[in-house]
Structures are given as structure tokens and as C-alpha cells.
Amino acid sequence: MPLEPLFTREYDADPALVHERLRTTYGPVAPVDLLGVPVWFVLGYGEVLHVLQNAGDRWSKCVANWRAYTEGRVPADWPPLTLLAADNTGFQDGDRHRLGRAAWDAALRPYQDPAHPQAQAMERAILRYCDDLIDVVTEGTSSGLADLCAQYGRPLPLMVANRLLGVTLEYGDDMVMDFWRLLDGPDSGGAYQRLYAALHDLVTAKRSRPGEDFISYLFAAKPDFTDDELARELFLLPAFLDFTGSLICNAVVEVITNPRLRTTLSTGAIEEAVNRVAMLKPAIANVTLRYARADVKLGGFTITAGDPVLLSVAAANNDPQIASALSDDTVRSTRAHLSWGAGPHRCPSRRLATQITTIAVRRLLERFSTLKLALPPDQLPWRPSPFMRALRSLPVQYEVRQDFVLPPRRETRETGAGDSAGRPQGIPGDGDSPPARSALWAFLHRLRGGRRDDHQAG
């Protein structure tokens, strides 16, 4: 059967047109070429939902169940292979996945339960990070140009991760920059090796001196995690960071180009806009491969045991079964979309990602009286990726709202490592500012200076 190359310039420019053509030609499942490797591309809502809900039973996420991989027919340098072959909860089945996922749910719960002190402190921290980044963007100016992808959308989730991990500002700053480099390539500048070493050291330290942080919560939920296993688990964070940063940027584009969505600054309305974007323009357009455990009928084809399927949530969300649930005339949108996944591998951090995005968008609208694209929407540059639908840059023109007054910062801070509570030093407290000479802040300042007059930011 002839295979149509999936990732072409046409796909980069407008994936919806490619989805429509494939759906018309093949139906809800199409045979495609994924960067030189044959896969089944699943476009139908019902078919995608079936695979997601039957993960581990009829469909596996473990690369060892991919027949072509075990037979040596997948090139060792195939770009997505490093991700797909990761031995952590995101790519495991059965009891290993169930136990690992339970630990993740328990460790994230303090940050996603609104009544928990950690969730309340995190909300204050996110607001503070937004204000710090906006301060760098504007730097005393009343108007100008900025790249809200590089200067806001991407660094904000990285700063949240710094807090989740509970590391010192100096140590965490290096990790944040390496997370950033890793998102730009499989091993950009040795970032993977440095990050693994740093995460392993951090995990070892947390085992001996646990605190109130995500790693310590993981250990408490699953004490039999080895240091190596937990260090590899933490490599799931870049996917969360990349997804959340891309969702922020996609939501900003939607809000500033849709006048109906700017009529209110209420959190509820912005959260609805975020859900609308998650459905219509999901940051994770295609979720990672699943492999058939046995021959199965799907969308008019027989998927042979060991064959891979690539699930397109972007195409599924626009399936006629669900697309009619959303009207262009309303901000309200269905929660039945698949952008957060479904079944055993559904996103464990949905509430935190939504909260970060909602606060980020709301703060932009509060602090800028004018915010508009510096390029036509159809000229915005997108990053080529088999999984993400993410902007490479988001150039905007802005005017600062002169009547907005920042609330005073609380002058308390959390105590540090070596204290009686065993918490690591330098976890940002409510009154903290970013270190003036940190590598991240120096990078953002240089970025602003280099792009002050550049409409083609990025």
C-alpha cells in the first residue's frame, strides 16, 4: 500500500487540510509515512478514543511491542526513538504503569487541590513569575515589540518546574536552561547528559533529606523507586513543560485575535477560552505511538499485531461527531475533546496546566492595554514536530496599561535545606525576585535587547 508522507510543508502550514484529505481518501484511519517509518494515522474520534481507553489491554505503549523495532527495521537515529524508548511511566503498561501513575497522581495532588497550601502557594508563585517576565519584556517602556513565545510562554512553565522540583535558584536555573535546550532537540548541547546527572544528584539528595516538593512526594508515594528510576521519571517533565508553554502561546493568539474573548477578564471566561484552544488547536496534536497487541479491525483496516498507530487528537477533535458541539459564536465549549487524553495514560496534570495557562493569559490582559500580533495569523511560524503543534515565535506589539498597580509582595519566604523541616534552600517564597545575575534572566534580557525592533521575532 502506498504511504503518503505526513509531515510536509503543507502539514506544517495547515494540518487541518491534510486531515480532511486523508479522511476523505481513507476514512478514520490512514496509512502514512512518519519520517521514513510506516505507521497507521488515526483521525476518527471514536477510533482514537477506543485506542486510548484500551491502552495496556489491546494496545501497548511499550516500544518492545513494536514489531518493526524488535526486528531492527527502525533506524537507530530515527528522531522520535529516544522519546518512545524511554523506560518510565509514560511508556509502560500493566502494573508498572499503574503503580507509577498512582505515585504521580499522589505527588501532583498537593499542587492541584485548591484547598492544599501547596496549591495556594503555587498560584501566588505563578502570578509572581508572570509579573517578573512581563517586567523583563517591558523594562520600563510603555510600548514596544516582544516575542511572547521565547520571553513568556516557554520560560514560565520552566520556572514552575523549578519550584516543583524544590531546588535552589542557582542550581535550578542551570536545570531550567537545560530543559529549554532539550526541548529544541534530542540532545542539544549535551543537555540530556547534564540533566540526567543533575536530576540523579537531586533525587539522591531528596531521598536523604525529603521536603515539601514534588520529588519528595513521589518518594513518599512509591518508596521503592530507585534513584535511577526516579531520575528517568522526571524526564516526563519536559513534555508537560512544552505542552503548557505551547498552550499558553496558542491561547494568547486566540484571545487577542478574537474580540469576543476580550470582553471580560474573569477567570471563568479565560478558562473557557483555554479549553476552546485545547480543543481546536491542541498543543499536543498527535500523541505518541501505541502498538497493537493482536490483529484488530480499526477504521476499515486490519491492524496487524505489532503495528504502530499514531493518534491525532487534533483530527479527532474536528471529527464531525464532536466538531458541531462548538460554535464560533460562543466561548462555551465541550469538555468531551481528547486533548488531555483518555484512559490509563490521560494527562495527570490537567488542572495545573490549565491553571498556569489561565493565569498567564489573564495577567497579560491585565497588564497590557493593547496586545496585537506583529504578523498576520497565517504567517506565524510553527515548529516542525510529529507530536506538537507549537509556535516557534509569537511576535506581538504591546502597550502597557498605565492604571494597573501591582499588589505588594508578601515579605515571607520558605526556609531552606538543612533546616529542621529538611526543605531545600532557596525555594522561592512569596517575596522573592529572580536573581539579578542568573543565566535565565541574563538570557531573557539579551533576548529582549536583540528583538526590540524585530517584527520577525524568533
Protein backbone atom coordinates (compact mmCIF):
# COMPACT_ATOMS: atom_id res chain seq x y z
CA MET A 1 0.00 0.00 0.00
CA PRO A 2 1.43 3.41 -0.94
CA LEU A 3 2.24 5.63 2.02
CA GLU A 4 1.68 9.38 2.00
CA PRO A 5 4.39 11.38 3.77
CA LEU A 6 2.66 13.02 6.70
CA PHE A 7 4.98 15.83 7.74
CA THR A 8 5.32 18.09 4.73
CA ARG A 9 5.28 21.85 4.24
CA GLU A 10 1.55 21.56 3.64
CA TYR A 11 1.12 19.87 7.02
CA ASP A 12 3.26 22.48 8.76
CA ALA A 13 1.18 25.26 7.20
CA ASP A 14 -2.31 23.79 7.77
CA PRO A 15 -2.68 20.32 9.34
CA ALA A 16 -6.48 20.53 9.07
CA LEU A 17 -6.31 20.44 5.27
CA VAL A 18 -4.16 17.30 5.39
CA HIS A 19 -6.53 15.71 7.90
CA GLU A 20 -9.50 16.47 5.65
CA ARG A 21 -7.82 14.97 2.59
CA LEU A 22 -6.76 11.82 4.43
CA ARG A 23 -10.22 11.41 5.95
CA THR A 24 -11.83 11.78 2.53
CA THR A 25 -9.43 9.29 0.93
CA TYR A 26 -9.15 6.62 3.64
CA GLY A 27 -11.73 7.29 6.33
CA PRO A 28 -10.87 7.44 10.06
CA VAL A 29 -7.55 5.55 9.66
CA ALA A 30 -4.87 6.25 7.03
CA PRO A 31 -1.53 4.59 6.17
CA VAL A 32 1.20 7.24 6.29
CA ASP A 33 4.96 7.66 6.33
CA LEU A 34 6.21 9.13 9.63
CA LEU A 35 9.69 10.49 8.99
CA GLY A 36 10.56 7.41 6.93
CA VAL A 37 8.74 4.82 9.07
CA PRO A 38 5.28 3.40 8.17
CA VAL A 39 2.53 3.95 10.77
CA TRP A 40 -1.25 3.98 10.88
CA PHE A 41 -2.57 7.54 11.38
CA VAL A 42 -5.83 7.51 13.35
CA LEU A 43 -8.09 10.51 12.67
CA GLY A 44 -11.56 9.42 13.85
CA TYR A 45 -12.83 10.48 17.27
CA GLY A 46 -14.30 7.08 18.08
CA GLU A 47 -11.21 5.24 16.88
CA VAL A 48 -8.80 7.45 18.84
CA LEU A 49 -10.94 7.11 21.97
CA HIS A 50 -11.02 3.32 21.55
CA VAL A 51 -7.23 3.07 21.46
CA LEU A 52 -6.76 5.46 24.38
CA GLN A 53 -9.26 3.66 26.59
CA ASN A 54 -7.83 0.21 25.82
CA ALA A 55 -4.18 1.06 26.49
CA GLY A 56 -2.39 -1.86 28.10
CA ASP A 57 -5.17 -4.28 27.20
CA ARG A 58 -5.36 -4.28 23.40
CA TRP A 59 -2.81 -1.54 22.80
CA SER A 60 0.65 -1.11 24.33
CA LYS A 61 2.84 1.95 24.82
CA CYS A 62 5.96 -0.15 25.38
CA VAL A 63 8.30 0.01 22.40
CA ALA A 64 9.20 -3.68 22.91
CA ASN A 65 5.77 -4.49 21.39
CA TRP A 66 6.60 -2.68 18.14
CA ARG A 67 7.39 -5.46 15.67
CA ALA A 68 9.49 -3.37 13.27
CA TYR A 69 11.58 -2.09 16.21
CA THR A 70 12.30 -5.54 17.63
CA GLU A 71 13.18 -6.78 14.12
CA GLY A 72 15.72 -3.97 13.67
CA ARG A 73 13.80 -2.17 10.93
CA VAL A 74 13.62 1.18 12.75
CA PRO A 75 16.81 3.22 12.27
CA ALA A 76 18.69 3.82 15.50
CA ASP A 77 18.86 7.53 14.69
CA TRP A 78 15.12 7.88 13.92
CA PRO A 79 14.31 11.21 15.68
CA PRO A 80 11.36 10.15 17.91
CA LEU A 81 13.01 6.90 19.05
CA THR A 82 14.78 8.33 22.11
CA LEU A 83 11.44 9.54 23.44
CA LEU A 84 9.48 6.39 22.57
CA ALA A 85 12.10 4.07 24.10
CA ALA A 86 12.15 5.91 27.44
CA ASP A 87 11.68 3.45 30.30
CA ASN A 88 9.39 5.47 32.52
CA THR A 89 5.71 5.57 33.47
CA GLY A 90 4.76 7.40 30.28
CA PHE A 91 5.83 4.41 28.17
CA GLN A 92 4.96 1.46 30.40
CA ASP A 93 1.99 -0.90 30.64
CA GLY A 94 0.33 -3.06 33.25
CA ASP A 95 1.32 -2.99 36.91
CA ARG A 96 4.47 -0.93 36.30
CA HIS A 97 2.38 1.81 34.77
CA ARG A 98 -0.44 1.51 37.30
CA LEU A 99 1.90 1.83 40.29
CA GLY A 100 3.98 4.61 38.72
CA ARG A 101 0.89 6.54 37.69
CA ALA A 102 -0.56 6.26 41.19
CA ALA A 103 2.65 7.82 42.53
CA TRP A 104 2.42 10.67 40.03
CA ASP A 105 -1.21 11.34 40.94
CA ALA A 106 -0.34 11.41 44.64
CA ALA A 107 2.69 13.67 44.14
CA LEU A 108 0.74 16.14 41.99
CA ARG A 109 -2.30 16.22 44.27
CA PRO A 110 -0.97 18.92 46.65
CA TYR A 111 -0.46 21.25 43.65
CA GLN A 112 -3.87 20.53 42.10
CA ASP A 113 -6.11 20.52 45.19
CA PRO A 114 -7.26 24.16 45.64
CA ALA A 115 -7.58 23.63 49.40
CA HIS A 116 -3.98 22.48 49.84
CA PRO A 117 -1.39 25.07 50.99
CA GLN A 118 0.97 23.98 48.19
CA ALA A 119 -1.66 24.76 45.54
CA GLN A 120 -2.32 28.17 47.08
CA ALA A 121 1.40 28.96 47.24
CA MET A 122 1.81 27.76 43.64
CA GLU A 123 -0.92 30.12 42.43
CA ARG A 124 0.84 33.07 44.07
CA ALA A 125 4.16 31.93 42.58
CA ILE A 126 2.73 31.67 39.06
CA LEU A 127 1.41 35.23 39.30
CA ARG A 128 4.81 36.41 40.53
CA TYR A 129 6.62 34.64 37.68
CA CYS A 130 4.22 36.20 35.15
CA ASP A 131 4.90 39.66 36.54
CA ASP A 132 8.66 39.09 36.59
CA LEU A 133 8.64 38.00 32.94
CA ILE A 134 6.41 40.90 31.88
CA ASP A 135 8.75 43.29 33.70
CA VAL A 136 11.63 41.96 31.61
CA VAL A 137 9.57 42.25 28.41
CA THR A 138 8.61 45.87 29.04
CA GLU A 139 11.66 47.02 31.04
CA GLY A 140 10.34 50.48 31.76
CA THR A 141 8.84 51.08 28.31
CA SER A 142 5.23 52.00 27.61
CA SER A 143 5.06 50.24 24.24
CA GLY A 144 7.14 48.02 22.01
CA LEU A 145 7.59 44.60 20.44
CA ALA A 146 8.12 41.25 22.12
CA ASP A 147 8.25 37.55 21.35
CA LEU A 148 5.76 36.12 23.82
CA CYS A 149 6.86 32.59 22.99
CA ALA A 150 10.54 32.92 23.93
CA GLN A 151 10.04 35.65 26.54
CA TYR A 152 6.89 34.44 28.27
CA GLY A 153 5.19 31.22 27.15
CA ARG A 154 8.23 28.95 27.26
CA PRO A 155 10.10 30.21 30.35
CA LEU A 156 7.02 30.39 32.59
CA PRO A 157 6.42 26.60 32.83
CA LEU A 158 10.15 26.07 33.28
CA MET A 159 10.07 28.35 36.30
CA VAL A 160 7.10 26.41 37.68
CA ALA A 161 9.10 23.19 37.24
CA ASN A 162 11.96 24.77 39.19
CA ARG A 163 9.57 25.25 42.07
CA LEU A 164 8.04 21.77 41.74
CA LEU A 165 11.48 20.19 41.99
CA GLY A 166 12.34 22.28 45.04
CA VAL A 167 15.84 23.30 44.03
CA THR A 168 17.98 26.30 44.82
CA LEU A 169 17.62 29.23 42.45
CA GLU A 170 21.21 28.95 41.22
CA TYR A 171 21.17 25.16 40.77
CA GLY A 172 17.65 25.19 39.37
CA ASP A 173 18.49 27.95 36.92
CA ASP A 174 21.00 25.72 35.15
CA MET A 175 18.44 22.92 35.04
CA VAL A 176 15.81 25.27 33.60
CA MET A 177 18.14 26.27 30.78
CA ASP A 178 18.97 22.63 30.01
CA PHE A 179 15.28 21.71 29.99
CA TRP A 180 14.87 24.52 27.45
CA ARG A 181 17.75 23.20 25.31
CA LEU A 182 16.35 19.67 25.48
CA LEU A 183 13.01 20.82 24.09
CA ASP A 184 14.83 22.08 20.98
CA GLY A 185 16.45 18.74 20.14
CA PRO A 186 17.06 15.18 21.33
CA ASP A 187 20.42 16.07 22.89
CA SER A 188 21.05 19.72 22.23
CA GLY A 189 24.45 20.71 23.58
CA GLY A 190 24.73 17.69 25.87
CA ALA A 191 21.60 18.79 27.75
CA TYR A 192 20.36 15.22 28.26
CA GLN A 193 23.55 14.05 29.99
CA ARG A 194 23.75 17.15 32.18
CA LEU A 195 20.09 16.95 33.12
CA TYR A 196 20.23 13.26 33.95
CA ALA A 197 23.27 13.84 36.18
CA ALA A 198 21.61 16.84 37.85
CA LEU A 199 18.31 15.03 38.35
CA HIS A 200 20.07 11.95 39.73
CA ASP A 201 22.01 14.10 42.20
CA LEU A 202 18.82 15.92 43.17
CA VAL A 203 16.91 12.68 43.67
CA THR A 204 19.73 11.29 45.84
CA ALA A 205 19.68 14.44 47.96
CA LYS A 206 15.89 14.35 48.34
CA ARG A 207 15.99 10.72 49.48
CA SER A 208 18.26 11.62 52.38
CA ARG A 209 16.57 14.96 53.16
CA PRO A 210 12.98 14.99 51.91
CA GLY A 211 11.00 18.22 51.92
CA GLU A 212 7.73 19.66 50.66
CA ASP A 213 8.37 19.21 46.94
CA PHE A 214 7.31 17.02 44.03
CA ILE A 215 10.28 14.62 44.19
CA SER A 216 9.80 14.02 47.92
CA TYR A 217 6.10 13.40 47.33
CA LEU A 218 6.98 10.82 44.65
CA PHE A 219 9.29 9.02 47.07
CA ALA A 220 6.59 9.06 49.75
CA ALA A 221 4.04 7.62 47.32
CA LYS A 222 6.36 4.90 45.98
CA PRO A 223 9.35 4.33 48.30
CA ASP A 224 10.74 1.51 46.14
CA PHE A 225 11.63 3.90 43.31
CA THR A 226 15.39 3.63 42.77
CA ASP A 227 17.34 6.84 42.22
CA ASP A 228 17.86 5.87 38.57
CA GLU A 229 14.16 5.12 38.05
CA LEU A 230 13.06 8.38 39.59
CA ALA A 231 15.59 10.40 37.62
CA ARG A 232 14.15 8.85 34.43
CA GLU A 233 10.61 9.54 35.64
CA LEU A 234 11.43 13.22 35.89
CA PHE A 235 12.18 13.32 32.17
CA LEU A 236 8.41 13.32 31.71
CA LEU A 237 8.51 16.93 32.88
CA PRO A 238 9.77 18.36 29.55
CA ALA A 239 6.61 17.08 27.82
CA PHE A 240 4.48 18.85 30.44
CA LEU A 241 6.58 22.00 30.12
CA ASP A 242 6.49 22.03 26.32
CA PHE A 243 2.77 21.31 26.25
CA THR A 244 1.93 24.04 28.75
CA GLY A 245 4.16 26.65 27.11
CA SER A 246 2.62 25.89 23.71
CA LEU A 247 -0.90 26.01 25.15
CA ILE A 248 -0.15 29.46 26.59
CA CYS A 249 1.00 30.74 23.20
CA ASN A 250 -1.92 29.20 21.32
CA ALA A 251 -4.35 30.66 23.88
CA VAL A 252 -2.77 34.12 23.59
CA VAL A 253 -3.24 34.05 19.81
CA GLU A 254 -6.87 33.00 20.19
CA VAL A 255 -7.67 35.66 22.79
CA ILE A 256 -6.01 38.63 21.08
CA THR A 257 -7.45 37.78 17.64
CA ASN A 258 -11.00 37.08 18.86
CA PRO A 259 -12.71 40.25 20.15
CA ARG A 260 -15.47 38.24 21.85
CA LEU A 261 -12.94 36.67 24.17
CA ARG A 262 -11.57 40.04 25.36
CA THR A 263 -14.86 41.40 26.71
CA THR A 264 -14.20 40.05 30.20
CA LEU A 265 -11.17 39.35 32.35
CA SER A 266 -12.99 36.87 34.58
CA THR A 267 -11.05 33.71 35.34
CA GLY A 268 -14.01 31.58 34.29
CA ALA A 269 -14.21 33.18 30.84
CA ILE A 270 -10.46 32.84 30.27
CA GLU A 271 -10.52 29.22 31.41
CA GLU A 272 -13.28 28.59 28.87
CA ALA A 273 -11.10 30.20 26.20
CA VAL A 274 -8.22 27.92 27.22
CA ASN A 275 -10.48 24.89 26.91
CA ARG A 276 -11.61 26.10 23.50
CA VAL A 277 -7.99 26.36 22.35
CA ALA A 278 -7.14 22.96 23.85
CA MET A 279 -9.91 21.52 21.69
CA LEU A 280 -9.49 23.40 18.40
CA LYS A 281 -5.73 23.99 18.45
CA PRO A 282 -4.28 21.39 20.81
CA ALA A 283 -0.61 21.83 21.67
CA ILE A 284 -0.16 18.04 21.53
CA ALA A 285 -1.65 17.43 18.10
CA ASN A 286 -0.64 13.76 17.91
CA VAL A 287 0.03 11.56 20.92
CA THR A 288 2.92 9.11 20.99
CA LEU A 289 2.70 5.70 19.33
CA ARG A 290 0.67 2.73 20.52
CA TYR A 291 1.27 -0.82 19.29
CA ALA A 292 -1.41 -3.44 18.60
CA ARG A 293 -1.11 -6.47 20.89
CA ALA A 294 -3.08 -8.63 18.42
CA ASP A 295 -4.64 -8.24 14.98
CA VAL A 296 -7.51 -5.77 15.29
CA LYS A 297 -10.02 -4.08 12.98
CA LEU A 298 -9.82 -0.30 13.12
CA GLY A 299 -11.46 2.11 10.70
CA GLY A 300 -11.90 -0.41 7.92
CA PHE A 301 -8.32 -1.73 8.10
CA THR A 302 -6.82 -4.71 9.87
CA ILE A 303 -4.02 -3.52 12.10
CA THR A 304 -1.57 -6.38 12.46
CA ALA A 305 -0.13 -7.30 15.85
CA GLY A 306 2.96 -5.18 16.47
CA ASP A 307 1.93 -2.40 14.07
CA PRO A 308 2.19 1.19 15.39
CA VAL A 309 -0.65 3.72 15.40
CA LEU A 310 -0.21 7.48 15.70
CA LEU A 311 -3.29 9.05 17.30
CA SER A 312 -4.26 12.51 16.05
CA VAL A 313 -6.25 14.26 18.74
CA ALA A 314 -6.31 17.39 16.56
CA ALA A 315 -8.08 15.47 13.78
CA ALA A 316 -10.31 13.61 16.25
CA ASN A 317 -11.45 16.84 17.88
CA ASN A 318 -12.56 18.05 14.45
CA ASP A 319 -14.36 14.83 13.61
CA PRO A 320 -17.99 15.65 12.62
CA GLN A 321 -19.09 13.67 15.70
CA ILE A 322 -17.75 16.38 18.00
CA ALA A 323 -16.93 19.49 15.97
CA SER A 324 -20.58 20.57 15.91
CA ALA A 325 -20.53 20.83 19.71
CA LEU A 326 -18.57 24.08 19.42
CA SER A 327 -19.97 27.23 17.85
CA ASP A 328 -17.84 30.14 16.68
CA ASP A 329 -20.33 32.45 18.41
CA THR A 330 -19.72 31.25 21.94
CA VAL A 331 -16.86 30.88 24.38
CA ARG A 332 -18.52 27.82 25.93
CA SER A 333 -17.10 24.60 24.58
CA THR A 334 -17.43 20.89 25.18
CA ARG A 335 -15.22 19.01 27.63
CA ALA A 336 -15.57 15.83 25.54
CA HIS A 337 -12.48 16.53 23.45
CA LEU A 338 -9.38 14.35 23.65
CA SER A 339 -6.65 16.96 24.05
CA TRP A 340 -5.98 15.78 27.62
CA GLY A 341 -6.06 12.16 26.57
CA ALA A 342 -8.31 9.43 27.96
CA GLY A 343 -7.91 6.07 29.63
CA PRO A 344 -4.93 4.96 31.75
CA HIS A 345 -2.47 7.40 30.14
CA ARG A 346 -4.64 10.54 30.34
CA CYS A 347 -2.79 13.70 31.40
CA PRO A 348 -2.18 13.67 35.17
CA SER A 349 -1.52 17.42 35.38
CA ARG A 350 -4.55 18.81 33.55
CA ARG A 351 -5.60 21.16 36.33
CA LEU A 352 -2.11 22.56 36.89
CA ALA A 353 -1.53 23.12 33.15
CA THR A 354 -4.92 24.83 32.83
CA GLN A 355 -4.21 26.99 35.89
CA ILE A 356 -0.79 28.09 34.59
CA THR A 357 -2.26 28.95 31.18
CA THR A 358 -5.30 30.76 32.60
CA ILE A 359 -3.19 32.89 34.95
CA ALA A 360 -0.66 33.63 32.20
CA VAL A 361 -3.30 34.86 29.76
CA ARG A 362 -5.22 36.81 32.40
CA ARG A 363 -2.07 38.59 33.57
CA LEU A 364 -1.20 39.66 30.03
CA LEU A 365 -4.67 41.16 29.56
CA GLU A 366 -4.46 42.90 32.93
CA ARG A 367 -1.08 44.49 32.31
CA PHE A 368 -1.36 45.45 28.63
CA SER A 369 -3.96 47.85 27.26
CA THR A 370 -3.02 46.83 23.71
CA LEU A 371 -1.77 43.46 22.59
CA LYS A 372 -1.85 42.50 18.92
CA LEU A 373 0.04 40.26 16.56
CA ALA A 374 3.01 41.75 14.75
CA LEU A 375 2.40 39.28 11.90
CA PRO A 376 -0.78 38.11 10.14
CA PRO A 377 -2.05 34.93 11.86
CA ASP A 378 -1.38 32.81 8.78
CA GLN A 379 2.28 33.88 8.79
CA LEU A 380 3.08 32.81 12.35
CA PRO A 381 5.95 30.29 12.29
CA TRP A 382 5.30 26.78 13.63
CA ARG A 383 7.87 24.31 14.94
CA PRO A 384 8.07 21.12 12.87
CA SER A 385 7.22 18.19 15.13
CA PRO A 386 5.50 14.80 14.82
CA PHE A 387 3.66 15.40 18.10
CA MET A 388 3.44 19.10 18.96
CA ARG A 389 1.59 21.96 17.29
CA ALA A 390 3.64 24.75 18.79
CA LEU A 391 4.66 28.20 17.67
CA ARG A 392 8.33 28.87 17.07
CA SER A 393 7.79 32.51 17.92
CA LEU A 394 4.89 34.80 18.82
CA PRO A 395 5.77 38.39 17.83
CA VAL A 396 3.39 40.98 19.28
CA GLN A 397 3.03 44.72 19.60
CA TYR A 398 2.10 45.91 23.08
CA GLU A 399 1.12 48.98 25.08
CA VAL A 400 1.40 48.86 28.86
CA ARG A 401 -1.73 49.57 30.89
CA GLN A 402 -0.78 52.66 32.90
CA ASP A 403 -3.52 52.36 35.53
CA PHE A 404 -2.61 48.83 36.64
CA VAL A 405 -0.90 48.67 40.02
CA LEU A 406 0.92 45.53 41.07
CA PRO A 407 -0.12 44.29 44.52
CA PRO A 408 2.66 44.43 47.14
CA ARG A 409 4.66 41.25 47.53
CA ARG A 410 4.49 39.40 50.78
CA GLU A 411 7.78 39.54 52.61
CA THR A 412 7.74 35.95 53.83
CA ARG A 413 9.85 33.18 52.37
CA GLU A 414 10.18 29.47 52.85
CA THR A 415 13.16 28.22 54.82
CA GLY A 416 15.94 26.23 53.23
CA ALA A 417 17.77 22.93 53.13
CA GLY A 418 19.44 21.89 56.29
CA ASP A 419 16.74 23.47 58.44
CA SER A 420 14.61 21.46 60.85
CA ALA A 421 11.97 20.83 58.19
CA GLY A 422 14.55 19.47 55.76
CA ARG A 423 13.42 21.73 52.93
CA PRO A 424 15.95 22.59 50.21
CA GLN A 425 17.47 26.05 50.24
CA GLY A 426 16.24 28.80 48.01
CA ILE A 427 12.71 27.64 47.19
CA PRO A 428 11.08 30.90 46.09
CA GLY A 429 8.93 32.49 48.75
CA ASP A 430 6.14 34.99 48.15
CA GLY A 431 8.54 37.92 48.40
CA ASP A 432 11.33 36.59 46.20
CA SER A 433 12.53 38.22 42.99
CA PRO A 434 14.56 36.42 40.33
CA PRO A 435 18.31 36.60 40.91
CA ALA A 436 19.64 39.59 39.00
CA ARG A 437 22.62 37.72 37.54
CA SER A 438 21.02 34.34 36.86
CA ALA A 439 21.70 32.74 33.50
CA LEU A 440 17.99 32.59 32.65
CA TRP A 441 17.38 36.23 33.44
CA ALA A 442 20.51 37.32 31.59
CA PHE A 443 19.32 35.31 28.57
CA LEU A 444 15.86 36.91 28.66
CA HIS A 445 17.35 40.40 28.95
CA ARG A 446 19.64 39.74 25.96
CA LEU A 447 16.70 38.37 24.02
CA ARG A 448 14.70 41.50 24.68
CA GLY A 449 17.54 43.75 23.65
CA GLY A 450 18.10 41.81 20.43
CA ARG A 451 14.44 41.83 19.43
CA ARG A 452 13.34 45.30 20.40
CA ASP A 453 12.89 46.35 16.79
CA ASP A 454 12.42 42.96 15.18
CA HIS A 455 8.92 42.13 13.92
CA GLN A 456 10.13 38.65 12.93
CA ALA A 457 10.93 37.63 16.50
CA GLY A 458 12.22 34.08 16.57
